[in-house]
C-alpha cells in the first residue's frame, strides 16, 4: 500500500467517537431547551401585556362613556345593573341613553330618541366590553344618590383583572328635556 493510499484509508476511518456524539447531542438539547424556554416566556409575557392593554382600553371606554353621559344628563335612574339617563346632546336636544351588564357579563350601551324600558334582551345594544362584573354590594355595578352616580366594575381579559371606579354628577339643565327616558 502506498503512502497516499494509507493517508486516504486513515482519513476515511477518522470520525467522532460515541462519547463525542453523546456530548454534542446533550449540548444541542440544552441549547434547544434554553431557546424554547425563552421563546415560551416571551410569548406568555406578550399575551399578558396584550390582555392588560385590552382590559385597560375597555375600562377607559366604559369610564369615558359613563362620565360624558352622566355629566350631560338632567336625570338618571338605576335598576339593578341597568343605568338609564336623559342626556343633553348640545344644540340638537335630548336623547335617552342606557348602560347595562347583561346576564352573560357583557357591558352594553344604547341610545334612543324614545324611552328605554327595562330590556328583555340586549339585541341591538353596543358591546363595550365582555366579562364585566359589578363590585358594589350584591354584585351591583351602579349606585345613585340624588344626582351623583357611583360605578364600580371589574373587567377581566384572560388572566388580567382591571378594576374601574368612577363617579359622575348629572349637571344638564334646559328646556325641551323629555319627561322621562324610562
Protein backbone atom coordinates (compact mmCIF):
# COMPACT_ATOMS: atom_id res chain seq x y z
CA UNK A 1 0.00 0.00 0.00
CA UNK A 2 1.38 3.36 -0.95
CA UNK A 3 1.64 6.35 1.36
CA UNK A 4 -1.16 8.06 -0.50
CA UNK A 5 -3.46 5.05 -0.09
CA UNK A 6 -2.62 4.85 3.63
CA UNK A 7 -3.48 8.56 4.13
CA UNK A 8 -6.82 8.06 2.37
CA UNK A 9 -7.56 4.99 4.47
CA UNK A 10 -6.69 6.79 7.71
CA UNK A 11 -8.66 9.93 6.84
CA UNK A 12 -11.76 7.95 5.87
CA UNK A 13 -11.61 5.97 9.12
CA UNK A 14 -11.40 9.07 11.29
CA UNK A 15 -14.69 10.36 12.73
CA UNK A 16 -16.43 11.04 16.00
CA UNK A 17 -16.34 8.61 18.82
CA UNK A 18 -19.57 7.58 20.53
CA UNK A 19 -18.68 9.72 23.57
CA UNK A 20 -18.17 12.80 21.40
CA UNK A 21 -21.51 12.19 19.68
CA UNK A 22 -23.32 11.91 23.03
CA UNK A 23 -21.69 15.13 24.29
CA UNK A 24 -22.68 17.03 21.12
CA UNK A 25 -26.29 15.75 21.33
CA UNK A 26 -26.50 16.70 25.02
CA UNK A 27 -25.20 20.21 24.27
CA UNK A 28 -27.67 20.59 21.39
CA UNK A 29 -30.54 19.53 23.65
CA UNK A 30 -29.51 22.04 26.33
CA UNK A 31 -29.26 24.89 23.83
CA UNK A 32 -32.65 23.95 22.29
CA UNK A 33 -34.29 23.81 25.74
CA UNK A 34 -32.85 27.20 26.67
CA UNK A 35 -34.08 28.82 23.46
CA UNK A 36 -37.50 27.15 23.80
CA UNK A 37 -37.86 28.37 27.40
CA UNK A 38 -37.02 31.94 26.39
CA UNK A 39 -39.48 31.78 23.48
CA UNK A 40 -42.32 30.43 25.64
CA UNK A 41 -41.60 33.03 28.32
CA UNK A 42 -41.69 35.80 25.70
CA UNK A 43 -44.98 34.57 24.25
CA UNK A 44 -46.51 34.38 27.75
CA UNK A 45 -45.33 37.91 28.60
CA UNK A 46 -46.69 39.20 25.30
CA UNK A 47 -50.08 37.57 25.95
CA UNK A 48 -50.25 39.09 29.44
CA UNK A 49 -49.35 42.51 28.08
CA UNK A 50 -51.98 42.29 25.35
CA UNK A 51 -54.62 41.20 27.89
CA UNK A 52 -53.71 44.12 30.20
CA UNK A 53 -53.85 46.58 27.28
CA UNK A 54 -57.24 45.25 26.14
CA UNK A 55 -58.74 45.33 29.65
CA UNK A 56 -57.38 48.84 30.32
CA UNK A 57 -58.72 50.08 26.98
CA UNK A 58 -62.15 48.65 27.75
CA UNK A 59 -62.09 50.26 31.21
CA UNK A 60 -61.26 53.64 29.66
CA UNK A 61 -64.03 53.27 27.08
CA UNK A 62 -66.61 52.43 29.75
CA UNK A 63 -65.42 55.20 32.07
CA UNK A 64 -65.50 57.81 29.30
CA UNK A 65 -68.97 56.73 28.13
CA UNK A 66 -70.38 56.90 31.68
CA UNK A 67 -68.66 60.19 32.56
CA UNK A 68 -69.78 62.02 29.42
CA UNK A 69 -73.29 60.58 29.53
CA UNK A 70 -73.99 61.28 33.20
CA UNK A 71 -72.34 64.73 33.28
CA UNK A 72 -74.58 65.73 30.36
CA UNK A 73 -77.67 64.17 31.94
CA UNK A 74 -80.50 66.05 33.60
CA UNK A 75 -81.64 62.91 35.43
CA UNK A 76 -80.89 59.18 35.61
CA UNK A 77 -82.14 56.04 37.29
CA UNK A 78 -80.57 52.73 38.33
CA UNK A 79 -82.47 49.44 38.19
CA UNK A 80 -80.19 46.56 39.19
CA UNK A 81 -77.29 46.60 36.73
CA UNK A 82 -79.16 48.87 34.32
CA UNK A 83 -78.49 52.61 34.23
CA UNK A 84 -80.73 54.89 32.16
CA UNK A 85 -80.25 58.64 31.69
CA UNK A 86 -81.85 61.65 29.99
CA UNK A 87 -78.86 63.25 28.20
CA UNK A 88 -78.44 66.65 26.55
CA UNK A 89 -76.94 66.42 23.05
CA UNK A 90 -75.89 70.04 22.68
CA UNK A 91 -77.95 72.30 20.46
CA UNK A 92 -79.90 69.43 18.89
CA UNK A 93 -81.85 68.47 22.00
CA UNK A 94 -82.07 65.42 24.22
CA UNK A 95 -81.72 61.67 23.94
CA UNK A 96 -82.09 58.68 26.19
CA UNK A 97 -79.00 56.59 26.97
CA UNK A 98 -78.63 53.32 28.84
CA UNK A 99 -75.76 51.18 30.09
CA UNK A 100 -76.08 47.67 31.48
CA UNK A 101 -74.27 44.50 32.42
CA UNK A 102 -76.03 41.62 30.67
CA UNK A 103 -76.62 38.19 32.23
CA UNK A 104 -73.63 36.99 30.13
CA UNK A 105 -71.50 39.75 31.75
CA UNK A 106 -71.14 41.99 28.69
CA UNK A 107 -71.14 45.73 29.35
CA UNK A 108 -73.50 47.28 26.80
CA UNK A 109 -74.69 50.76 25.79
CA UNK A 110 -77.67 52.09 23.86
CA UNK A 111 -79.00 55.48 22.77
CA UNK A 112 -82.57 56.24 21.71
CA UNK A 113 -84.79 59.20 20.98
CA UNK A 114 -87.54 57.45 22.99
CA UNK A 115 -87.72 55.99 26.48
CA UNK A 116 -85.64 52.84 27.06
CA UNK A 117 -87.63 50.26 29.04
CA UNK A 118 -86.06 47.51 31.13
CA UNK A 119 -84.97 45.19 28.30
CA UNK A 120 -85.96 41.58 27.94
CA UNK A 121 -82.78 41.09 25.90
CA UNK A 122 -79.90 43.19 24.70
CA UNK A 123 -80.02 42.64 20.94
CA UNK A 124 -79.01 45.83 19.15
CA UNK A 125 -77.07 47.23 22.10
CA UNK A 126 -73.39 48.15 21.51
CA UNK A 127 -70.97 45.92 23.44
CA UNK A 128 -68.28 47.99 25.15
CA UNK A 129 -66.60 45.07 26.97
CA UNK A 130 -67.02 41.41 27.81
CA UNK A 131 -66.57 39.70 31.18
CA UNK A 132 -67.53 42.67 33.36
CA UNK A 133 -68.85 42.40 36.90
CA UNK A 134 -70.18 44.93 39.36
CA UNK A 135 -68.22 45.18 42.61
CA UNK A 136 -70.67 47.14 44.76
CA UNK A 137 -72.81 45.42 47.38
CA UNK A 138 -74.59 42.39 45.95
CA UNK A 139 -72.56 42.48 42.72
CA UNK A 140 -74.21 45.70 41.58
CA UNK A 141 -72.36 47.97 39.16
CA UNK A 142 -74.17 51.25 39.82
CA UNK A 143 -75.37 53.21 42.83
CA UNK A 144 -77.01 56.62 42.90
CA UNK A 145 -77.67 59.30 45.44
CA UNK A 146 -79.59 62.32 44.20
CA UNK A 147 -77.70 63.46 41.07
CA UNK A 148 -74.47 61.52 41.77
CA UNK A 149 -73.65 58.19 40.10
CA UNK A 150 -71.11 55.77 41.50
CA UNK A 151 -69.92 52.91 39.28
CA UNK A 152 -67.64 50.10 40.48
CA UNK A 153 -66.68 47.41 37.97
CA UNK A 154 -64.15 44.68 37.39
CA UNK A 155 -63.12 43.96 33.77
CA UNK A 156 -61.45 40.61 33.04
CA UNK A 157 -59.50 39.72 29.90
CA UNK A 158 -57.67 36.39 30.04
CA UNK A 159 -55.96 36.25 33.44
CA UNK A 160 -55.89 40.04 33.79
CA UNK A 161 -58.40 41.86 36.00
CA UNK A 162 -58.70 45.65 35.85
CA UNK A 163 -60.85 47.44 38.45
CA UNK A 164 -62.82 50.52 37.41
CA UNK A 165 -64.10 53.08 39.88
CA UNK A 166 -65.82 56.19 38.58
CA UNK A 167 -68.21 58.85 39.84
CA UNK A 168 -70.17 61.49 37.96
CA UNK A 169 -72.78 64.12 38.74
CA UNK A 170 -75.71 64.88 36.44
CA UNK A 171 -75.41 68.56 35.56
CA UNK A 172 -77.54 69.29 32.47
CA UNK A 173 -80.37 71.77 32.65
CA UNK A 174 -82.51 73.26 29.95
CA UNK A 175 -85.77 73.40 28.07
CA UNK A 176 -87.06 70.58 25.97
CA UNK A 177 -85.84 67.80 28.24
CA UNK A 178 -88.02 64.73 27.71
CA UNK A 179 -90.31 63.93 30.61
CA UNK A 180 -88.65 60.57 31.10
CA UNK A 181 -86.28 58.06 29.49
CA UNK A 182 -87.57 55.09 31.46
